[in-house]
Amino acid sequence: MKQKMFTPLLVVVLLFSSFISEAATANYPTTKELKAKVITMTEEQKRARLETIKMRLLEIKDMDKSTLTKEQRKDLRAELRNMNKEAKVASGGVYLSVGAIIIVILLLILIL
């Protein structure tokens, strides 16, 4: 009885495990790889890449996303996340939160 159920169950598991989405297997670079890539770029290349990212974001924003399939939307979200990471690494700015600014102001008031 167990053998009769084991074989079809094994077939079903193998069948479903073969359908892996492209978004899960996409090879997007990690943050470390992005940092290494950005370090080798010149300032002009960084500006050009950021401009390219901005243009792609505008294209995605103007896109009619209701016609996309689930897989296409998933790939689009992964692409957006990757571009966001790349833009953060390329801009290289220091960001202060509101709380950090308030603490700095309070420290300045106490010191002066």
N, C-alpha and C. Protein backbone atom coordinates (compact mmCIF):
# COMPACT_ATOMS: atom_id res chain seq x y z
N MET A 1 0.82 -1.20 0.00
CA MET A 1 0.00 0.00 0.00
C MET A 1 0.86 1.26 0.00
N LYS A 2 1.92 1.25 0.84
CA LYS A 2 2.79 2.41 0.89
C LYS A 2 3.51 2.59 -0.43
N GLN A 3 3.88 1.48 -1.06
CA GLN A 3 4.59 1.56 -2.34
C GLN A 3 3.69 2.14 -3.42
N LYS A 4 2.40 1.83 -3.37
CA LYS A 4 1.47 2.37 -4.36
C LYS A 4 1.32 3.88 -4.22
N MET A 5 1.39 4.39 -3.02
CA MET A 5 1.25 5.83 -2.81
C MET A 5 2.58 6.57 -2.98
N PHE A 6 3.67 5.88 -2.71
CA PHE A 6 4.98 6.53 -2.75
C PHE A 6 5.37 6.93 -4.17
N THR A 7 5.15 6.07 -5.13
CA THR A 7 5.56 6.36 -6.51
C THR A 7 4.81 7.55 -7.10
N PRO A 8 3.48 7.60 -7.04
CA PRO A 8 2.79 8.78 -7.59
C PRO A 8 3.15 10.07 -6.83
N LEU A 9 3.32 9.95 -5.53
CA LEU A 9 3.70 11.11 -4.74
C LEU A 9 5.08 11.62 -5.15
N LEU A 10 6.00 10.71 -5.38
CA LEU A 10 7.34 11.08 -5.82
C LEU A 10 7.29 11.75 -7.19
N VAL A 11 6.47 11.24 -8.08
CA VAL A 11 6.33 11.82 -9.42
C VAL A 11 5.77 13.24 -9.32
N VAL A 12 4.77 13.44 -8.48
CA VAL A 12 4.17 14.77 -8.32
C VAL A 12 5.19 15.75 -7.74
N VAL A 13 5.94 15.32 -6.74
CA VAL A 13 6.94 16.20 -6.12
C VAL A 13 8.01 16.58 -7.13
N LEU A 14 8.49 15.61 -7.89
CA LEU A 14 9.51 15.91 -8.90
C LEU A 14 8.95 16.80 -10.01
N LEU A 15 7.71 16.60 -10.36
CA LEU A 15 7.09 17.42 -11.40
C LEU A 15 7.00 18.88 -10.95
N PHE A 16 6.52 19.11 -9.73
CA PHE A 16 6.38 20.48 -9.25
C PHE A 16 7.73 21.13 -8.93
N SER A 17 8.70 20.34 -8.54
CA SER A 17 10.00 20.93 -8.23
C SER A 17 10.75 21.35 -9.49
N SER A 18 10.34 20.86 -10.64
CA SER A 18 11.01 21.24 -11.88
C SER A 18 10.54 22.60 -12.39
N PHE A 19 9.42 23.10 -11.87
CA PHE A 19 8.90 24.40 -12.30
C PHE A 19 9.41 25.50 -11.38
N ILE A 20 10.66 25.85 -11.53
CA ILE A 20 11.25 26.92 -10.73
C ILE A 20 11.13 28.20 -11.52
N SER A 21 10.71 29.26 -10.86
CA SER A 21 10.51 30.52 -11.57
C SER A 21 11.84 31.14 -11.96
N GLU A 22 11.81 31.94 -13.02
CA GLU A 22 13.02 32.59 -13.49
C GLU A 22 13.50 33.65 -12.51
N ALA A 23 12.59 34.27 -11.81
CA ALA A 23 12.98 35.32 -10.87
C ALA A 23 13.80 34.74 -9.73
N ALA A 24 13.48 33.53 -9.33
CA ALA A 24 14.23 32.90 -8.25
C ALA A 24 15.62 32.48 -8.70
N THR A 25 15.77 32.18 -9.97
CA THR A 25 17.06 31.73 -10.47
C THR A 25 17.85 32.83 -11.16
N ALA A 26 17.31 34.04 -11.20
CA ALA A 26 18.02 35.14 -11.86
C ALA A 26 19.30 35.45 -11.09
N ASN A 27 20.33 35.74 -11.83
CA ASN A 27 21.63 36.00 -11.21
C ASN A 27 21.84 37.50 -11.05
N TYR A 28 21.21 38.08 -10.06
CA TYR A 28 21.42 39.49 -9.77
C TYR A 28 22.64 39.61 -8.87
N PRO A 29 23.45 40.62 -9.09
CA PRO A 29 24.66 40.75 -8.28
C PRO A 29 24.34 41.10 -6.83
N THR A 30 25.20 40.63 -5.93
CA THR A 30 25.03 40.94 -4.52
C THR A 30 25.55 42.35 -4.25
N THR A 31 25.33 42.83 -3.04
CA THR A 31 25.77 44.18 -2.69
C THR A 31 27.29 44.28 -2.75
N LYS A 32 27.99 43.23 -2.33
CA LYS A 32 29.45 43.23 -2.39
C LYS A 32 29.94 43.33 -3.84
N GLU A 33 29.29 42.57 -4.72
CA GLU A 33 29.67 42.62 -6.13
C GLU A 33 29.39 44.00 -6.71
N LEU A 34 28.26 44.61 -6.31
CA LEU A 34 27.93 45.95 -6.78
C LEU A 34 28.96 46.97 -6.31
N LYS A 35 29.37 46.85 -5.04
CA LYS A 35 30.37 47.79 -4.51
C LYS A 35 31.68 47.65 -5.27
N ALA A 36 32.07 46.41 -5.56
CA ALA A 36 33.32 46.20 -6.30
C ALA A 36 33.21 46.78 -7.70
N LYS A 37 32.04 46.65 -8.31
CA LYS A 37 31.82 47.19 -9.65
C LYS A 37 31.85 48.72 -9.64
N VAL A 38 31.22 49.31 -8.63
CA VAL A 38 31.13 50.77 -8.56
C VAL A 38 32.50 51.39 -8.25
N ILE A 39 33.31 50.72 -7.47
CA ILE A 39 34.63 51.25 -7.13
C ILE A 39 35.48 51.44 -8.38
N THR A 40 35.32 50.53 -9.34
CA THR A 40 36.12 50.63 -10.57
C THR A 40 35.57 51.66 -11.55
N MET A 41 34.37 52.18 -11.31
CA MET A 41 33.78 53.16 -12.22
C MET A 41 34.33 54.55 -11.96
N THR A 42 34.40 55.34 -13.03
CA THR A 42 34.75 56.75 -12.88
C THR A 42 33.48 57.52 -12.51
N GLU A 43 33.64 58.78 -12.14
CA GLU A 43 32.47 59.60 -11.77
C GLU A 43 31.52 59.76 -12.96
N GLU A 44 32.09 59.90 -14.13
CA GLU A 44 31.25 60.05 -15.33
C GLU A 44 30.45 58.78 -15.60
N GLN A 45 31.07 57.63 -15.41
CA GLN A 45 30.37 56.36 -15.60
C GLN A 45 29.27 56.18 -14.55
N LYS A 46 29.54 56.61 -13.32
CA LYS A 46 28.52 56.52 -12.27
C LYS A 46 27.32 57.38 -12.61
N ARG A 47 27.59 58.63 -13.07
CA ARG A 47 26.48 59.52 -13.45
C ARG A 47 25.68 58.93 -14.61
N ALA A 48 26.38 58.37 -15.59
CA ALA A 48 25.70 57.78 -16.74
C ALA A 48 24.85 56.59 -16.31
N ARG A 49 25.37 55.76 -15.41
CA ARG A 49 24.62 54.59 -14.94
C ARG A 49 23.39 55.02 -14.14
N LEU A 50 23.55 56.04 -13.29
CA LEU A 50 22.41 56.53 -12.53
C LEU A 50 21.34 57.11 -13.45
N GLU A 51 21.77 57.79 -14.51
CA GLU A 51 20.82 58.34 -15.48
C GLU A 51 20.09 57.20 -16.21
N THR A 52 20.82 56.13 -16.53
CA THR A 52 20.20 54.97 -17.17
C THR A 52 19.16 54.34 -16.25
N ILE A 53 19.50 54.24 -14.97
CA ILE A 53 18.56 53.68 -13.99
C ILE A 53 17.31 54.55 -13.89
N LYS A 54 17.49 55.87 -13.87
CA LYS A 54 16.34 56.79 -13.81
C LYS A 54 15.43 56.62 -15.02
N MET A 55 16.03 56.50 -16.21
CA MET A 55 15.23 56.33 -17.43
C MET A 55 14.45 55.01 -17.38
N ARG A 56 15.09 53.94 -16.90
CA ARG A 56 14.42 52.65 -16.80
C ARG A 56 13.28 52.72 -15.79
N LEU A 57 13.49 53.43 -14.69
CA LEU A 57 12.43 53.58 -13.69
C LEU A 57 11.23 54.32 -14.27
N LEU A 58 11.49 55.35 -15.08
CA LEU A 58 10.39 56.07 -15.73
C LEU A 58 9.64 55.16 -16.71
N GLU A 59 10.38 54.31 -17.43
CA GLU A 59 9.73 53.36 -18.34
C GLU A 59 8.83 52.41 -17.57
N ILE A 60 9.33 51.90 -16.45
CA ILE A 60 8.55 50.96 -15.64
C ILE A 60 7.34 51.66 -15.05
N LYS A 61 7.51 52.91 -14.63
CA LYS A 61 6.40 53.66 -14.05
C LYS A 61 5.29 53.89 -15.07
N ASP A 62 5.66 54.15 -16.32
CA ASP A 62 4.67 54.40 -17.37
C ASP A 62 4.06 53.12 -17.94
N MET A 63 4.60 51.98 -17.57
CA MET A 63 4.16 50.69 -18.09
C MET A 63 2.76 50.34 -17.58
N ASP A 64 1.99 49.64 -18.42
CA ASP A 64 0.69 49.12 -17.99
C ASP A 64 0.93 47.75 -17.36
N LYS A 65 0.99 47.73 -16.04
CA LYS A 65 1.36 46.50 -15.34
C LYS A 65 0.21 45.50 -15.23
N SER A 66 -0.99 45.93 -15.57
CA SER A 66 -2.13 45.02 -15.47
C SER A 66 -2.09 43.94 -16.54
N THR A 67 -1.35 44.18 -17.61
CA THR A 67 -1.28 43.18 -18.68
C THR A 67 -0.15 42.18 -18.47
N LEU A 68 0.68 42.39 -17.46
CA LEU A 68 1.81 41.50 -17.23
C LEU A 68 1.36 40.23 -16.52
N THR A 69 2.07 39.15 -16.78
CA THR A 69 1.80 37.90 -16.08
C THR A 69 2.44 37.96 -14.70
N LYS A 70 2.13 36.96 -13.89
CA LYS A 70 2.67 36.92 -12.54
C LYS A 70 4.20 36.83 -12.57
N GLU A 71 4.74 36.03 -13.46
CA GLU A 71 6.20 35.88 -13.57
C GLU A 71 6.86 37.18 -14.03
N GLN A 72 6.22 37.88 -14.94
CA GLN A 72 6.78 39.14 -15.42
C GLN A 72 6.79 40.19 -14.32
N ARG A 73 5.72 40.23 -13.52
CA ARG A 73 5.67 41.17 -12.40
C ARG A 73 6.74 40.83 -11.36
N LYS A 74 6.94 39.54 -11.14
CA LYS A 74 7.96 39.10 -10.20
C LYS A 74 9.35 39.50 -10.67
N ASP A 75 9.62 39.32 -11.96
CA ASP A 75 10.90 39.72 -12.54
C ASP A 75 11.08 41.23 -12.46
N LEU A 76 10.01 41.95 -12.69
CA LEU A 76 10.06 43.42 -12.64
C LEU A 76 10.39 43.90 -11.23
N ARG A 77 9.77 43.29 -10.22
CA ARG A 77 10.07 43.65 -8.83
C ARG A 77 11.53 43.34 -8.49
N ALA A 78 12.01 42.20 -8.96
CA ALA A 78 13.41 41.84 -8.70
C ALA A 78 14.35 42.83 -9.38
N GLU A 79 14.01 43.24 -10.59
CA GLU A 79 14.83 44.22 -11.31
C GLU A 79 14.83 45.56 -10.57
N LEU A 80 13.67 45.97 -10.07
CA LEU A 80 13.58 47.23 -9.32
C LEU A 80 14.41 47.18 -8.04
N ARG A 81 14.32 46.05 -7.32
CA ARG A 81 15.12 45.92 -6.11
C ARG A 81 16.61 46.00 -6.42
N ASN A 82 17.02 45.33 -7.50
CA ASN A 82 18.42 45.34 -7.89
C ASN A 82 18.88 46.75 -8.28
N MET A 83 18.05 47.46 -9.04
CA MET A 83 18.41 48.83 -9.43
C MET A 83 18.48 49.74 -8.21
N ASN A 84 17.59 49.52 -7.24
CA ASN A 84 17.61 50.32 -6.02
C ASN A 84 18.92 50.10 -5.26
N LYS A 85 19.35 48.84 -5.14
CA LYS A 85 20.62 48.54 -4.48
C LYS A 85 21.77 49.21 -5.22
N GLU A 86 21.76 49.09 -6.54
CA GLU A 86 22.85 49.66 -7.34
C GLU A 86 22.89 51.18 -7.22
N ALA A 87 21.73 51.82 -7.20
CA ALA A 87 21.69 53.27 -7.07
C ALA A 87 22.20 53.72 -5.71
N LYS A 88 21.87 52.98 -4.66
CA LYS A 88 22.36 53.33 -3.33
C LYS A 88 23.87 53.22 -3.26
N VAL A 89 24.42 52.16 -3.86
CA VAL A 89 25.87 51.97 -3.84
C VAL A 89 26.55 53.04 -4.68
N ALA A 90 25.98 53.37 -5.84
CA ALA A 90 26.62 54.33 -6.75
C ALA A 90 26.56 55.75 -6.22
N SER A 91 25.47 56.10 -5.54
CA SER A 91 25.36 57.48 -5.05
C SER A 91 26.33 57.73 -3.90
N GLY A 92 26.53 56.73 -3.06
CA GLY A 92 27.53 56.82 -2.00
C GLY A 92 27.30 57.92 -0.98
N GLY A 93 26.10 58.38 -0.84
CA GLY A 93 25.82 59.46 0.09
C GLY A 93 25.65 58.95 1.51
N VAL A 94 25.78 59.86 2.46
CA VAL A 94 25.53 59.54 3.86
C VAL A 94 24.15 60.09 4.20
N TYR A 95 23.29 59.22 4.67
CA TYR A 95 21.92 59.61 4.98
C TYR A 95 21.74 59.67 6.49
N LEU A 96 21.16 60.75 6.95
CA LEU A 96 20.86 60.91 8.37
C LEU A 96 19.36 60.86 8.57
N SER A 97 18.95 60.11 9.55
CA SER A 97 17.53 60.05 9.85
C SER A 97 17.15 61.27 10.68
N VAL A 98 15.88 61.48 10.84
CA VAL A 98 15.38 62.62 11.62
C VAL A 98 15.84 62.49 13.07
N GLY A 99 15.81 61.27 13.60
CA GLY A 99 16.25 61.05 14.98
C GLY A 99 17.72 61.39 15.16
N ALA A 100 18.54 61.03 14.19
CA ALA A 100 19.98 61.33 14.28
C ALA A 100 20.21 62.83 14.23
N ILE A 101 19.47 63.53 13.42
CA ILE A 101 19.61 64.99 13.33
C ILE A 101 19.21 65.65 14.65
N ILE A 102 18.13 65.18 15.26
CA ILE A 102 17.69 65.73 16.55
C ILE A 102 18.75 65.49 17.62
N ILE A 103 19.34 64.30 17.64
CA ILE A 103 20.39 64.00 18.62
C ILE A 103 21.59 64.90 18.42
N VAL A 104 21.99 65.12 17.18
CA VAL A 104 23.12 66.00 16.89
C VAL A 104 22.81 67.42 17.35
N ILE A 105 21.63 67.91 17.10
CA ILE A 105 21.24 69.26 17.52
C ILE A 105 21.25 69.37 19.05
N LEU A 106 20.71 68.36 19.74
CA LEU A 106 20.71 68.38 21.21
C LEU A 106 22.13 68.35 21.76
N LEU A 107 23.00 67.57 21.16
CA LEU A 107 24.39 67.54 21.60
C LEU A 107 25.06 68.90 21.39
N LEU A 108 24.79 69.54 20.28
CA LEU A 108 25.35 70.86 20.03
C LEU A 108 24.84 71.88 21.05
N ILE A 109 23.58 71.79 21.40
CA ILE A 109 23.01 72.72 22.39
C ILE A 109 23.67 72.48 23.75
N LEU A 110 23.87 71.22 24.13
CA LEU A 110 24.49 70.92 25.41
C LEU A 110 25.95 71.35 25.46
N ILE A 111 26.66 71.19 24.37
CA ILE A 111 28.07 71.56 24.33
C ILE A 111 28.23 73.07 24.34
N LEU A 112 27.41 73.78 23.61
CA LEU A 112 27.53 75.24 23.51
C LEU A 112 26.71 75.83 24.59
